[in-house]
Amino acid sequence: MSKVKNYPLPGAARVKTGKEFAEIRRRGRLFRTPHFLVYVHKNGTSQSRLGLTVSRKVGNAVKRNRVKRLLRECYRIHLQKQMVGYDLSIIARSGAHLLSFAQVVPELQERLGGKKV
């Protein structure tokens, strides 16, 4: 049985407090996709940070956790280097639990790739 490598998101790369989330939503720019709302705010540092909100409207705990895993992996592989110096707050909408990783990546990159924030 092969062991899956674990790549946790470091604490410095996370948006943690409600105050930080509120600041991103208040001052950030909103991008909409069919399954996500993405707020992007320039943070003035050389590091990007990610905050996730997946409510019970998305599904039960198993479905919500799966969506969070997909979003963290998409961020780690694709968006972290692309969005240096920005805070991202991603809010999952209902139906997000039905997406595969191959569907999440282009949906987010299409809206965030090459956009001036």
C-alpha atoms as a PDB file:
ATOM      1  CA  MET A   1       0.000   0.000   0.000  1.00  0.00           C
ATOM      2  CA  SER A   2       1.489   3.333  -1.036  1.00  0.00           C
ATOM      3  CA  LYS A   3       1.531   6.203   1.388  1.00  0.00           C
ATOM      4  CA  VAL A   4       0.052   9.465   0.136  1.00  0.00           C
ATOM      5  CA  LYS A   5       2.281  12.462   0.828  1.00  0.00           C
ATOM      6  CA  ASN A   6       0.776  15.145   2.993  1.00  0.00           C
ATOM      7  CA  TYR A   7       1.413  18.777   2.034  1.00  0.00           C
ATOM      8  CA  PRO A   8      -0.250  20.882   4.710  1.00  0.00           C
ATOM      9  CA  LEU A   9      -0.855  24.559   4.143  1.00  0.00           C
ATOM     10  CA  PRO A  10       1.456  26.415   6.563  1.00  0.00           C
ATOM     11  CA  GLY A  11      -0.123  28.724   9.107  1.00  0.00           C
ATOM     12  CA  ALA A  12       1.470  31.793   7.523  1.00  0.00           C
ATOM     13  CA  ALA A  13      -0.336  30.972   4.263  1.00  0.00           C
ATOM     14  CA  ARG A  14      -3.803  30.943   5.845  1.00  0.00           C
ATOM     15  CA  VAL A  15      -6.375  33.610   6.548  1.00  0.00           C
ATOM     16  CA  LYS A  16      -7.477  32.695  10.057  1.00  0.00           C
ATOM     17  CA  THR A  17      -9.567  35.254  11.895  1.00  0.00           C
ATOM     18  CA  GLY A  18     -12.996  36.628  11.165  1.00  0.00           C
ATOM     19  CA  LYS A  19     -11.494  40.098  11.163  1.00  0.00           C
ATOM     20  CA  GLU A  20      -9.093  39.117   8.363  1.00  0.00           C
ATOM     21  CA  PHE A  21     -11.925  37.550   6.334  1.00  0.00           C
ATOM     22  CA  ALA A  22     -14.047  40.680   6.797  1.00  0.00           C
ATOM     23  CA  GLU A  23     -11.174  42.908   5.663  1.00  0.00           C
ATOM     24  CA  ILE A  24     -10.664  40.858   2.489  1.00  0.00           C
ATOM     25  CA  ARG A  25     -14.374  40.961   1.702  1.00  0.00           C
ATOM     26  CA  ARG A  26     -14.659  44.671   2.428  1.00  0.00           C
ATOM     27  CA  ARG A  27     -11.596  45.835   0.515  1.00  0.00           C
ATOM     28  CA  GLY A  28     -11.082  43.017  -1.970  1.00  0.00           C
ATOM     29  CA  ARG A  29     -12.296  42.521  -5.503  1.00  0.00           C
ATOM     30  CA  LEU A  30     -14.980  39.900  -6.139  1.00  0.00           C
ATOM     31  CA  PHE A  31     -14.752  37.295  -8.884  1.00  0.00           C
ATOM     32  CA  ARG A  32     -17.711  34.977  -9.463  1.00  0.00           C
ATOM     33  CA  THR A  33     -17.644  31.494 -10.947  1.00  0.00           C
ATOM     34  CA  PRO A  34     -20.525  29.027 -11.210  1.00  0.00           C
ATOM     35  CA  HIS A  35     -19.438  27.256  -8.009  1.00  0.00           C
ATOM     36  CA  PHE A  36     -17.323  29.793  -6.096  1.00  0.00           C
ATOM     37  CA  LEU A  37     -17.108  33.409  -4.980  1.00  0.00           C
ATOM     38  CA  VAL A  38     -13.496  34.572  -4.806  1.00  0.00           C
ATOM     39  CA  TYR A  39     -12.458  37.752  -3.022  1.00  0.00           C
ATOM     40  CA  VAL A  40      -8.915  38.934  -3.784  1.00  0.00           C
ATOM     41  CA  HIS A  41      -7.115  41.653  -1.835  1.00  0.00           C
ATOM     42  CA  LYS A  42      -3.529  42.864  -2.169  1.00  0.00           C
ATOM     43  CA  ASN A  43      -1.803  42.227   1.169  1.00  0.00           C
ATOM     44  CA  GLY A  44       1.442  44.160   0.700  1.00  0.00           C
ATOM     45  CA  THR A  45       3.697  41.185   1.486  1.00  0.00           C
ATOM     46  CA  SER A  46       5.637  38.730  -0.648  1.00  0.00           C
ATOM     47  CA  GLN A  47       3.388  35.838   0.350  1.00  0.00           C
ATOM     48  CA  SER A  48      -0.126  34.861  -0.634  1.00  0.00           C
ATOM     49  CA  ARG A  49      -2.712  33.626   1.874  1.00  0.00           C
ATOM     50  CA  LEU A  50      -5.847  31.526   1.485  1.00  0.00           C
ATOM     51  CA  GLY A  51      -9.087  31.516   3.450  1.00  0.00           C
ATOM     52  CA  LEU A  52     -11.889  29.037   2.760  1.00  0.00           C
ATOM     53  CA  THR A  53     -15.576  29.196   3.618  1.00  0.00           C
ATOM     54  CA  VAL A  54     -17.637  26.094   2.909  1.00  0.00           C
ATOM     55  CA  SER A  55     -21.077  26.314   4.519  1.00  0.00           C
ATOM     56  CA  ARG A  56     -23.595  23.572   5.232  1.00  0.00           C
ATOM     57  CA  LYS A  57     -25.447  24.573   2.061  1.00  0.00           C
ATOM     58  CA  VAL A  58     -22.706  22.705   0.182  1.00  0.00           C
ATOM     59  CA  GLY A  59     -23.459  19.410   1.913  1.00  0.00           C
ATOM     60  CA  ASN A  60     -22.639  17.282   4.913  1.00  0.00           C
ATOM     61  CA  ALA A  61     -19.227  17.291   6.622  1.00  0.00           C
ATOM     62  CA  VAL A  62     -17.738  14.729   4.235  1.00  0.00           C
ATOM     63  CA  LYS A  63     -18.698  16.806   1.182  1.00  0.00           C
ATOM     64  CA  ARG A  64     -17.536  20.082   2.758  1.00  0.00           C
ATOM     65  CA  ASN A  65     -14.173  18.609   3.734  1.00  0.00           C
ATOM     66  CA  ARG A  66     -13.692  17.213   0.220  1.00  0.00           C
ATOM     67  CA  VAL A  67     -14.336  20.658  -1.276  1.00  0.00           C
ATOM     68  CA  LYS A  68     -11.829  22.203   1.140  1.00  0.00           C
ATOM     69  CA  ARG A  69      -9.203  19.594   0.215  1.00  0.00           C
ATOM     70  CA  LEU A  70      -9.747  20.255  -3.501  1.00  0.00           C
ATOM     71  CA  LEU A  71      -9.468  24.023  -3.036  1.00  0.00           C
ATOM     72  CA  ARG A  72      -6.328  23.781  -0.886  1.00  0.00           C
ATOM     73  CA  GLU A  73      -4.677  21.506  -3.453  1.00  0.00           C
ATOM     74  CA  CYS A  74      -5.648  23.810  -6.330  1.00  0.00           C
ATOM     75  CA  TYR A  75      -4.197  26.745  -4.406  1.00  0.00           C
ATOM     76  CA  ARG A  76      -1.003  24.873  -3.489  1.00  0.00           C
ATOM     77  CA  ILE A  77      -0.273  23.653  -7.013  1.00  0.00           C
ATOM     78  CA  HIS A  78      -1.573  26.479  -9.204  1.00  0.00           C
ATOM     79  CA  LEU A  79      -2.633  29.677  -7.444  1.00  0.00           C
ATOM     80  CA  GLN A  80      -0.032  30.145  -4.700  1.00  0.00           C
ATOM     81  CA  LYS A  81       2.739  31.142  -7.123  1.00  0.00           C
ATOM     82  CA  GLN A  82       0.361  32.976  -9.454  1.00  0.00           C
ATOM     83  CA  MET A  83      -1.203  35.163  -6.730  1.00  0.00           C
ATOM     84  CA  VAL A  84       1.914  36.243  -4.768  1.00  0.00           C
ATOM     85  CA  GLY A  85       1.165  39.252  -2.571  1.00  0.00           C
ATOM     86  CA  TYR A  86      -2.591  38.656  -2.416  1.00  0.00           C
ATOM     87  CA  ASP A  87      -5.055  37.303   0.128  1.00  0.00           C
ATOM     88  CA  LEU A  88      -7.755  35.052  -1.318  1.00  0.00           C
ATOM     89  CA  SER A  89     -11.058  34.244   0.337  1.00  0.00           C
ATOM     90  CA  ILE A  90     -12.899  31.494  -1.534  1.00  0.00           C
ATOM     91  CA  ILE A  91     -16.543  30.813  -0.696  1.00  0.00           C
ATOM     92  CA  ALA A  92     -17.986  27.571  -2.034  1.00  0.00           C
ATOM     93  CA  ARG A  93     -21.519  27.610  -3.417  1.00  0.00           C
ATOM     94  CA  SER A  94     -23.940  24.705  -3.458  1.00  0.00           C
ATOM     95  CA  GLY A  95     -22.985  22.156  -6.086  1.00  0.00           C
ATOM     96  CA  ALA A  96     -19.244  22.597  -5.489  1.00  0.00           C
ATOM     97  CA  HIS A  97     -19.058  19.119  -3.953  1.00  0.00           C
ATOM     98  CA  LEU A  98     -19.895  17.607  -7.357  1.00  0.00           C
ATOM     99  CA  LEU A  99     -16.731  18.966  -9.005  1.00  0.00           C
ATOM    100  CA  SER A 100     -13.545  17.024  -9.601  1.00  0.00           C
ATOM    101  CA  PHE A 101     -10.068  18.505  -9.250  1.00  0.00           C
ATOM    102  CA  ALA A 102      -9.867  18.697 -13.052  1.00  0.00           C
ATOM    103  CA  GLN A 103     -12.980  20.907 -13.032  1.00  0.00           C
ATOM    104  CA  VAL A 104     -12.014  23.135 -10.084  1.00  0.00           C
ATOM    105  CA  VAL A 105      -8.626  24.195 -11.486  1.00  0.00           C
ATOM    106  CA  PRO A 106      -9.797  25.687 -14.806  1.00  0.00           C
ATOM    107  CA  GLU A 107     -12.843  27.306 -13.177  1.00  0.00           C
ATOM    108  CA  LEU A 108     -10.643  29.254 -10.761  1.00  0.00           C
ATOM    109  CA  GLN A 109      -7.741  29.896 -13.138  1.00  0.00           C
ATOM    110  CA  GLU A 110     -10.092  31.179 -15.829  1.00  0.00           C
ATOM    111  CA  ARG A 111     -11.365  33.910 -13.497  1.00  0.00           C
ATOM    112  CA  LEU A 112      -8.106  34.697 -11.686  1.00  0.00           C
ATOM    113  CA  GLY A 113      -5.495  34.124 -14.364  1.00  0.00           C
ATOM    114  CA  GLY A 114      -4.253  37.365 -15.860  1.00  0.00           C
ATOM    115  CA  LYS A 115      -6.766  39.530 -13.974  1.00  0.00           C
ATOM    116  CA  LYS A 116      -5.671  42.867 -12.611  1.00  0.00           C
ATOM    117  CA  VAL A 117      -6.773  43.087  -9.012  1.00  0.00           C
END
